[in-house]
Amino acid sequence: MIDTDALSREELWSLACDWRRRALHGDRTAHGPAHVYEAAYRRRFGERTTAGVLKDLRPLAVLADKGRWRSR
């Protein structure tokens, strides 16, 4: 696991979104890291949920072909 205190706001948000997307696509090993990054984000920067921005739930292989997903 990465030291979350060393990450910038954008890096932490990106990791939280990436891991939550994996969890939502059925990767059972992604739930733990998603929670860790989301909790670290809330602790450092306030309330924000990742699930609300993950509207594109196509398979990860399809998303990888289109390039890296970016949060807004």
PDB file of N, CA and C in Angstrom:
ATOM      1  N   MET A   1       0.849  -1.183   0.000  1.00  0.00           N
ATOM      2  CA  MET A   1       0.000   0.000   0.000  1.00  0.00           C
ATOM      3  C   MET A   1       0.892   1.242   0.000  1.00  0.00           C
ATOM      4  N   ILE A   2       0.448   2.268  -0.612  1.00  0.00           N
ATOM      5  CA  ILE A   2       1.183   3.528  -0.744  1.00  0.00           C
ATOM      6  C   ILE A   2       0.937   4.394   0.492  1.00  0.00           C
ATOM      7  N   ASP A   3       1.949   5.187   0.872  1.00  0.00           N
ATOM      8  CA  ASP A   3       1.789   6.138   1.965  1.00  0.00           C
ATOM      9  C   ASP A   3       0.845   7.250   1.492  1.00  0.00           C
ATOM     10  N   THR A   4      -0.374   7.236   1.975  1.00  0.00           N
ATOM     11  CA  THR A   4      -1.390   8.169   1.489  1.00  0.00           C
ATOM     12  C   THR A   4      -1.094   9.621   1.890  1.00  0.00           C
ATOM     13  N   ASP A   5      -0.333   9.819   2.951  1.00  0.00           N
ATOM     14  CA  ASP A   5      -0.010  11.182   3.371  1.00  0.00           C
ATOM     15  C   ASP A   5       0.973  11.862   2.421  1.00  0.00           C
ATOM     16  N   ALA A   6       1.688  11.085   1.626  1.00  0.00           N
ATOM     17  CA  ALA A   6       2.663  11.633   0.689  1.00  0.00           C
ATOM     18  C   ALA A   6       2.039  11.982  -0.664  1.00  0.00           C
ATOM     19  N   LEU A   7       0.782  11.610  -0.869  1.00  0.00           N
ATOM     20  CA  LEU A   7       0.122  11.834  -2.160  1.00  0.00           C
ATOM     21  C   LEU A   7      -0.532  13.201  -2.224  1.00  0.00           C
ATOM     22  N   SER A   8      -0.545  13.774  -3.423  1.00  0.00           N
ATOM     23  CA  SER A   8      -1.274  15.028  -3.632  1.00  0.00           C
ATOM     24  C   SER A   8      -2.770  14.730  -3.656  1.00  0.00           C
ATOM     25  N   ARG A   9      -3.552  15.772  -3.615  1.00  0.00           N
ATOM     26  CA  ARG A   9      -5.012  15.637  -3.669  1.00  0.00           C
ATOM     27  C   ARG A   9      -5.440  14.883  -4.923  1.00  0.00           C
ATOM     28  N   GLU A  10      -4.872  15.258  -6.067  1.00  0.00           N
ATOM     29  CA  GLU A  10      -5.243  14.646  -7.343  1.00  0.00           C
ATOM     30  C   GLU A  10      -4.818  13.184  -7.411  1.00  0.00           C
ATOM     31  N   GLU A  11      -3.619  12.887  -6.916  1.00  0.00           N
ATOM     32  CA  GLU A  11      -3.138  11.509  -6.932  1.00  0.00           C
ATOM     33  C   GLU A  11      -4.012  10.616  -6.054  1.00  0.00           C
ATOM     34  N   LEU A  12      -4.354  11.108  -4.885  1.00  0.00           N
ATOM     35  CA  LEU A  12      -5.176  10.331  -3.968  1.00  0.00           C
ATOM     36  C   LEU A  12      -6.574  10.115  -4.538  1.00  0.00           C
ATOM     37  N   TRP A  13      -7.139  11.146  -5.127  1.00  0.00           N
ATOM     38  CA  TRP A  13      -8.468  11.035  -5.745  1.00  0.00           C
ATOM     39  C   TRP A  13      -8.446  10.042  -6.900  1.00  0.00           C
ATOM     40  N   SER A  14      -7.399  10.103  -7.718  1.00  0.00           N
ATOM     41  CA  SER A  14      -7.280   9.194  -8.850  1.00  0.00           C
ATOM     42  C   SER A  14      -7.183   7.741  -8.384  1.00  0.00           C
ATOM     43  N   LEU A  15      -6.370   7.475  -7.381  1.00  0.00           N
ATOM     44  CA  LEU A  15      -6.248   6.120  -6.849  1.00  0.00           C
ATOM     45  C   LEU A  15      -7.573   5.634  -6.271  1.00  0.00           C
ATOM     46  N   ALA A  16      -8.259   6.495  -5.534  1.00  0.00           N
ATOM     47  CA  ALA A  16      -9.548   6.115  -4.948  1.00  0.00           C
ATOM     48  C   ALA A  16     -10.543   5.743  -6.048  1.00  0.00           C
ATOM     49  N   CYS A  17     -10.598   6.534  -7.091  1.00  0.00           N
ATOM     50  CA  CYS A  17     -11.528   6.262  -8.193  1.00  0.00           C
ATOM     51  C   CYS A  17     -11.145   4.994  -8.948  1.00  0.00           C
ATOM     52  N   ASP A  18      -9.860   4.830  -9.218  1.00  0.00           N
ATOM     53  CA  ASP A  18      -9.406   3.639  -9.947  1.00  0.00           C
ATOM     54  C   ASP A  18      -9.732   2.359  -9.182  1.00  0.00           C
ATOM     55  N   TRP A  19      -9.435   2.342  -7.892  1.00  0.00           N
ATOM     56  CA  TRP A  19      -9.700   1.143  -7.089  1.00  0.00           C
ATOM     57  C   TRP A  19     -11.194   0.910  -6.900  1.00  0.00           C
ATOM     58  N   ARG A  20     -11.990   1.977  -6.750  1.00  0.00           N
ATOM     59  CA  ARG A  20     -13.438   1.806  -6.601  1.00  0.00           C
ATOM     60  C   ARG A  20     -14.028   1.251  -7.886  1.00  0.00           C
ATOM     61  N   ARG A  21     -13.543   1.712  -9.048  1.00  0.00           N
ATOM     62  CA  ARG A  21     -14.028   1.200 -10.333  1.00  0.00           C
ATOM     63  C   ARG A  21     -13.744  -0.296 -10.431  1.00  0.00           C
ATOM     64  N   ARG A  22     -12.547  -0.700 -10.040  1.00  0.00           N
ATOM     65  CA  ARG A  22     -12.208  -2.122 -10.067  1.00  0.00           C
ATOM     66  C   ARG A  22     -13.151  -2.920  -9.161  1.00  0.00           C
ATOM     67  N   ALA A  23     -13.408  -2.381  -7.987  1.00  0.00           N
ATOM     68  CA  ALA A  23     -14.312  -3.066  -7.050  1.00  0.00           C
ATOM     69  C   ALA A  23     -15.711  -3.187  -7.639  1.00  0.00           C
ATOM     70  N   LEU A  24     -16.185  -2.140  -8.275  1.00  0.00           N
ATOM     71  CA  LEU A  24     -17.517  -2.159  -8.875  1.00  0.00           C
ATOM     72  C   LEU A  24     -17.597  -3.109 -10.066  1.00  0.00           C
ATOM     73  N   HIS A  25     -16.462  -3.413 -10.659  1.00  0.00           N
ATOM     74  CA  HIS A  25     -16.422  -4.355 -11.774  1.00  0.00           C
ATOM     75  C   HIS A  25     -16.189  -5.791 -11.312  1.00  0.00           C
ATOM     76  N   GLY A  26     -16.233  -6.015 -10.012  1.00  0.00           N
ATOM     77  CA  GLY A  26     -16.174  -7.376  -9.502  1.00  0.00           C
ATOM     78  C   GLY A  26     -14.832  -7.846  -8.991  1.00  0.00           C
ATOM     79  N   ASP A  27     -13.824  -6.997  -8.986  1.00  0.00           N
ATOM     80  CA  ASP A  27     -12.519  -7.379  -8.455  1.00  0.00           C
ATOM     81  C   ASP A  27     -12.600  -7.369  -6.927  1.00  0.00           C
ATOM     82  N   ARG A  28     -12.672  -8.561  -6.346  1.00  0.00           N
ATOM     83  CA  ARG A  28     -12.853  -8.667  -4.893  1.00  0.00           C
ATOM     84  C   ARG A  28     -11.649  -8.176  -4.114  1.00  0.00           C
ATOM     85  N   THR A  29     -10.492  -8.157  -4.726  1.00  0.00           N
ATOM     86  CA  THR A  29      -9.300  -7.675  -4.032  1.00  0.00           C
ATOM     87  C   THR A  29      -9.223  -6.149  -4.020  1.00  0.00           C
ATOM     88  N   ALA A  30     -10.114  -5.485  -4.729  1.00  0.00           N
ATOM     89  CA  ALA A  30     -10.068  -4.021  -4.846  1.00  0.00           C
ATOM     90  C   ALA A  30     -10.864  -3.299  -3.766  1.00  0.00           C
ATOM     91  N   HIS A  31     -11.729  -3.994  -3.058  1.00  0.00           N
ATOM     92  CA  HIS A  31     -12.560  -3.321  -2.052  1.00  0.00           C
ATOM     93  C   HIS A  31     -11.726  -2.696  -0.936  1.00  0.00           C
ATOM     94  N   GLY A  32     -10.748  -3.429  -0.445  1.00  0.00           N
ATOM     95  CA  GLY A  32      -9.898  -2.921   0.641  1.00  0.00           C
ATOM     96  C   GLY A  32      -9.132  -1.669   0.255  1.00  0.00           C
ATOM     97  N   PRO A  33      -8.350  -1.726  -0.845  1.00  0.00           N
ATOM     98  CA  PRO A  33      -7.619  -0.527  -1.259  1.00  0.00           C
ATOM     99  C   PRO A  33      -8.545   0.647  -1.581  1.00  0.00           C
ATOM    100  N   ALA A  34      -9.691   0.386  -2.183  1.00  0.00           N
ATOM    101  CA  ALA A  34     -10.639   1.470  -2.488  1.00  0.00           C
ATOM    102  C   ALA A  34     -11.052   2.168  -1.204  1.00  0.00           C
ATOM    103  N   HIS A  35     -11.371   1.380  -0.194  1.00  0.00           N
ATOM    104  CA  HIS A  35     -11.787   1.961   1.089  1.00  0.00           C
ATOM    105  C   HIS A  35     -10.655   2.768   1.723  1.00  0.00           C
ATOM    106  N   VAL A  36      -9.444   2.241   1.682  1.00  0.00           N
ATOM    107  CA  VAL A  36      -8.297   2.930   2.280  1.00  0.00           C
ATOM    108  C   VAL A  36      -8.087   4.295   1.619  1.00  0.00           C
ATOM    109  N   TYR A  37      -8.093   4.329   0.296  1.00  0.00           N
ATOM    110  CA  TYR A  37      -7.860   5.594  -0.410  1.00  0.00           C
ATOM    111  C   TYR A  37      -9.019   6.574  -0.228  1.00  0.00           C
ATOM    112  N   GLU A  38     -10.237   6.075  -0.236  1.00  0.00           N
ATOM    113  CA  GLU A  38     -11.396   6.954  -0.014  1.00  0.00           C
ATOM    114  C   GLU A  38     -11.368   7.541   1.399  1.00  0.00           C
ATOM    115  N   ALA A  39     -11.072   6.709   2.378  1.00  0.00           N
ATOM    116  CA  ALA A  39     -11.024   7.184   3.765  1.00  0.00           C
ATOM    117  C   ALA A  39      -9.902   8.204   3.948  1.00  0.00           C
ATOM    118  N   ALA A  40      -8.750   7.945   3.332  1.00  0.00           N
ATOM    119  CA  ALA A  40      -7.632   8.888   3.429  1.00  0.00           C
ATOM    120  C   ALA A  40      -8.002  10.215   2.780  1.00  0.00           C
ATOM    121  N   TYR A  41      -8.717  10.158   1.656  1.00  0.00           N
ATOM    122  CA  TYR A  41      -9.137  11.396   0.983  1.00  0.00           C
ATOM    123  C   TYR A  41     -10.083  12.190   1.879  1.00  0.00           C
ATOM    124  N   ARG A  42     -11.077  11.506   2.444  1.00  0.00           N
ATOM    125  CA  ARG A  42     -12.032  12.199   3.320  1.00  0.00           C
ATOM    126  C   ARG A  42     -11.336  12.778   4.546  1.00  0.00           C
ATOM    127  N   ARG A  43     -10.402  12.035   5.113  1.00  0.00           N
ATOM    128  CA  ARG A  43      -9.684  12.497   6.302  1.00  0.00           C
ATOM    129  C   ARG A  43      -8.876  13.760   5.991  1.00  0.00           C
ATOM    130  N   ARG A  44      -8.221  13.788   4.844  1.00  0.00           N
ATOM    131  CA  ARG A  44      -7.346  14.913   4.518  1.00  0.00           C
ATOM    132  C   ARG A  44      -8.058  16.089   3.879  1.00  0.00           C
ATOM    133  N   PHE A  45      -9.089  15.828   3.068  1.00  0.00           N
ATOM    134  CA  PHE A  45      -9.661  16.900   2.255  1.00  0.00           C
ATOM    135  C   PHE A  45     -11.157  17.110   2.431  1.00  0.00           C
ATOM    136  N   GLY A  46     -11.785  16.356   3.288  1.00  0.00           N
ATOM    137  CA  GLY A  46     -13.215  16.525   3.496  1.00  0.00           C
ATOM    138  C   GLY A  46     -14.039  15.505   2.747  1.00  0.00           C
ATOM    139  N   GLU A  47     -15.328  15.643   2.861  1.00  0.00           N
ATOM    140  CA  GLU A  47     -16.285  14.665   2.324  1.00  0.00           C
ATOM    141  C   GLU A  47     -16.355  14.736   0.811  1.00  0.00           C
ATOM    142  N   ARG A  48     -16.211  13.587   0.183  1.00  0.00           N
ATOM    143  CA  ARG A  48     -16.401  13.446  -1.258  1.00  0.00           C
ATOM    144  C   ARG A  48     -16.508  11.956  -1.525  1.00  0.00           C
ATOM    145  N   THR A  49     -17.448  11.565  -2.333  1.00  0.00           N
ATOM    146  CA  THR A  49     -17.605  10.137  -2.613  1.00  0.00           C
ATOM    147  C   THR A  49     -17.170   9.840  -4.026  1.00  0.00           C
ATOM    148  N   THR A  50     -16.552   8.696  -4.220  1.00  0.00           N
ATOM    149  CA  THR A  50     -16.098   8.321  -5.547  1.00  0.00           C
ATOM    150  C   THR A  50     -17.197   7.660  -6.355  1.00  0.00           C
ATOM    151  N   ALA A  51     -18.094   6.934  -5.709  1.00  0.00           N
ATOM    152  CA  ALA A  51     -19.113   6.185  -6.440  1.00  0.00           C
ATOM    153  C   ALA A  51     -19.996   7.110  -7.274  1.00  0.00           C
ATOM    154  N   GLY A  52     -20.205   8.331  -6.832  1.00  0.00           N
ATOM    155  CA  GLY A  52     -21.044   9.271  -7.560  1.00  0.00           C
ATOM    156  C   GLY A  52     -20.467   9.695  -8.897  1.00  0.00           C
ATOM    157  N   VAL A  53     -19.168   9.629  -9.058  1.00  0.00           N
ATOM    158  CA  VAL A  53     -18.553  10.055 -10.316  1.00  0.00           C
ATOM    159  C   VAL A  53     -18.262   8.894 -11.243  1.00  0.00           C
ATOM    160  N   LEU A  54     -18.475   7.689 -10.784  1.00  0.00           N
ATOM    161  CA  LEU A  54     -18.184   6.513 -11.606  1.00  0.00           C
ATOM    162  C   LEU A  54     -19.414   6.089 -12.391  1.00  0.00           C
ATOM    163  N   LYS A  55     -19.763   6.873 -13.366  1.00  0.00           N
ATOM    164  CA  LYS A  55     -20.971   6.602 -14.139  1.00  0.00           C
ATOM    165  C   LYS A  55     -20.697   5.657 -15.306  1.00  0.00           C
ATOM    166  N   ASP A  56     -19.461   5.610 -15.755  1.00  0.00           N
ATOM    167  CA  ASP A  56     -19.096   4.772 -16.886  1.00  0.00           C
ATOM    168  C   ASP A  56     -18.668   3.413 -16.357  1.00  0.00           C
ATOM    169  N   LEU A  57     -19.562   2.439 -16.398  1.00  0.00           N
ATOM    170  CA  LEU A  57     -19.301   1.136 -15.825  1.00  0.00           C
ATOM    171  C   LEU A  57     -19.058   0.062 -16.886  1.00  0.00           C
ATOM    172  N   ARG A  58     -18.542   0.477 -18.039  1.00  0.00           N
ATOM    173  CA  ARG A  58     -18.163  -0.513 -19.046  1.00  0.00           C
ATOM    174  C   ARG A  58     -17.016  -1.362 -18.506  1.00  0.00           C
ATOM    175  N   PRO A  59     -16.808  -2.535 -19.066  1.00  0.00           N
ATOM    176  CA  PRO A  59     -15.704  -3.385 -18.597  1.00  0.00           C
ATOM    177  C   PRO A  59     -14.364  -2.647 -18.639  1.00  0.00           C
ATOM    178  N   LEU A  60     -13.484  -2.982 -17.698  1.00  0.00           N
ATOM    179  CA  LEU A  60     -12.189  -2.306 -17.618  1.00  0.00           C
ATOM    180  C   LEU A  60     -11.373  -2.439 -18.891  1.00  0.00           C
ATOM    181  N   ALA A  61     -11.473  -3.571 -19.577  1.00  0.00           N
ATOM    182  CA  ALA A  61     -10.721  -3.758 -20.824  1.00  0.00           C
ATOM    183  C   ALA A  61     -11.149  -2.733 -21.871  1.00  0.00           C
ATOM    184  N   VAL A  62     -12.425  -2.430 -21.943  1.00  0.00           N
ATOM    185  CA  VAL A  62     -12.930  -1.430 -22.892  1.00  0.00           C
ATOM    186  C   VAL A  62     -12.428  -0.050 -22.504  1.00  0.00           C
ATOM    187  N   LEU A  63     -12.462   0.257 -21.212  1.00  0.00           N
ATOM    188  CA  LEU A  63     -11.994   1.565 -20.756  1.00  0.00           C
ATOM    189  C   LEU A  63     -10.494   1.727 -21.005  1.00  0.00           C
ATOM    190  N   ALA A  64      -9.726   0.661 -20.818  1.00  0.00           N
ATOM    191  CA  ALA A  64      -8.280   0.723 -21.046  1.00  0.00           C
ATOM    192  C   ALA A  64      -7.975   1.036 -22.514  1.00  0.00           C
ATOM    193  N   ASP A  65      -8.795   0.541 -23.433  1.00  0.00           N
ATOM    194  CA  ASP A  65      -8.590   0.820 -24.848  1.00  0.00           C
ATOM    195  C   ASP A  65      -8.822   2.282 -25.178  1.00  0.00           C
ATOM    196  N   LYS A  66      -9.654   2.950 -24.425  1.00  0.00           N
ATOM    197  CA  LYS A  66      -9.972   4.356 -24.683  1.00  0.00           C
ATOM    198  C   LYS A  66      -8.979   5.298 -24.012  1.00  0.00           C
ATOM    199  N   GLY A  67      -8.049   4.798 -23.218  1.00  0.00           N
ATOM    200  CA  GLY A  67      -7.109   5.643 -22.507  1.00  0.00           C
ATOM    201  C   GLY A  67      -7.483   5.771 -21.044  1.00  0.00           C
ATOM    202  N   ARG A  68      -6.685   6.452 -20.300  1.00  0.00           N
ATOM    203  CA  ARG A  68      -6.872   6.564 -18.856  1.00  0.00           C
ATOM    204  C   ARG A  68      -8.098   7.406 -18.551  1.00  0.00           C
ATOM    205  N   TRP A  69      -8.921   6.890 -17.625  1.00  0.00           N
ATOM    206  CA  TRP A  69     -10.104   7.615 -17.168  1.00  0.00           C
ATOM    207  C   TRP A  69      -9.671   8.728 -16.252  1.00  0.00           C
ATOM    208  N   ARG A  70     -10.282   9.867 -16.362  1.00  0.00           N
ATOM    209  CA  ARG A  70      -9.912  11.007 -15.505  1.00  0.00           C
ATOM    210  C   ARG A  70     -11.131  11.473 -14.730  1.00  0.00           C
ATOM    211  N   SER A  71     -10.898  11.801 -13.473  1.00  0.00           N
ATOM    212  CA  SER A  71     -11.976  12.331 -12.648  1.00  0.00           C
ATOM    213  C   SER A  71     -12.153  13.811 -12.932  1.00  0.00           C
ATOM    214  N   ARG A  72     -13.305  14.315 -12.600  1.00  0.00           N
ATOM    215  CA  ARG A  72     -13.557  15.755 -12.823  1.00  0.00           C
ATOM    216  C   ARG A  72     -13.518  16.488 -11.529  1.00  0.00           C
TER     217      ARG A  72
END
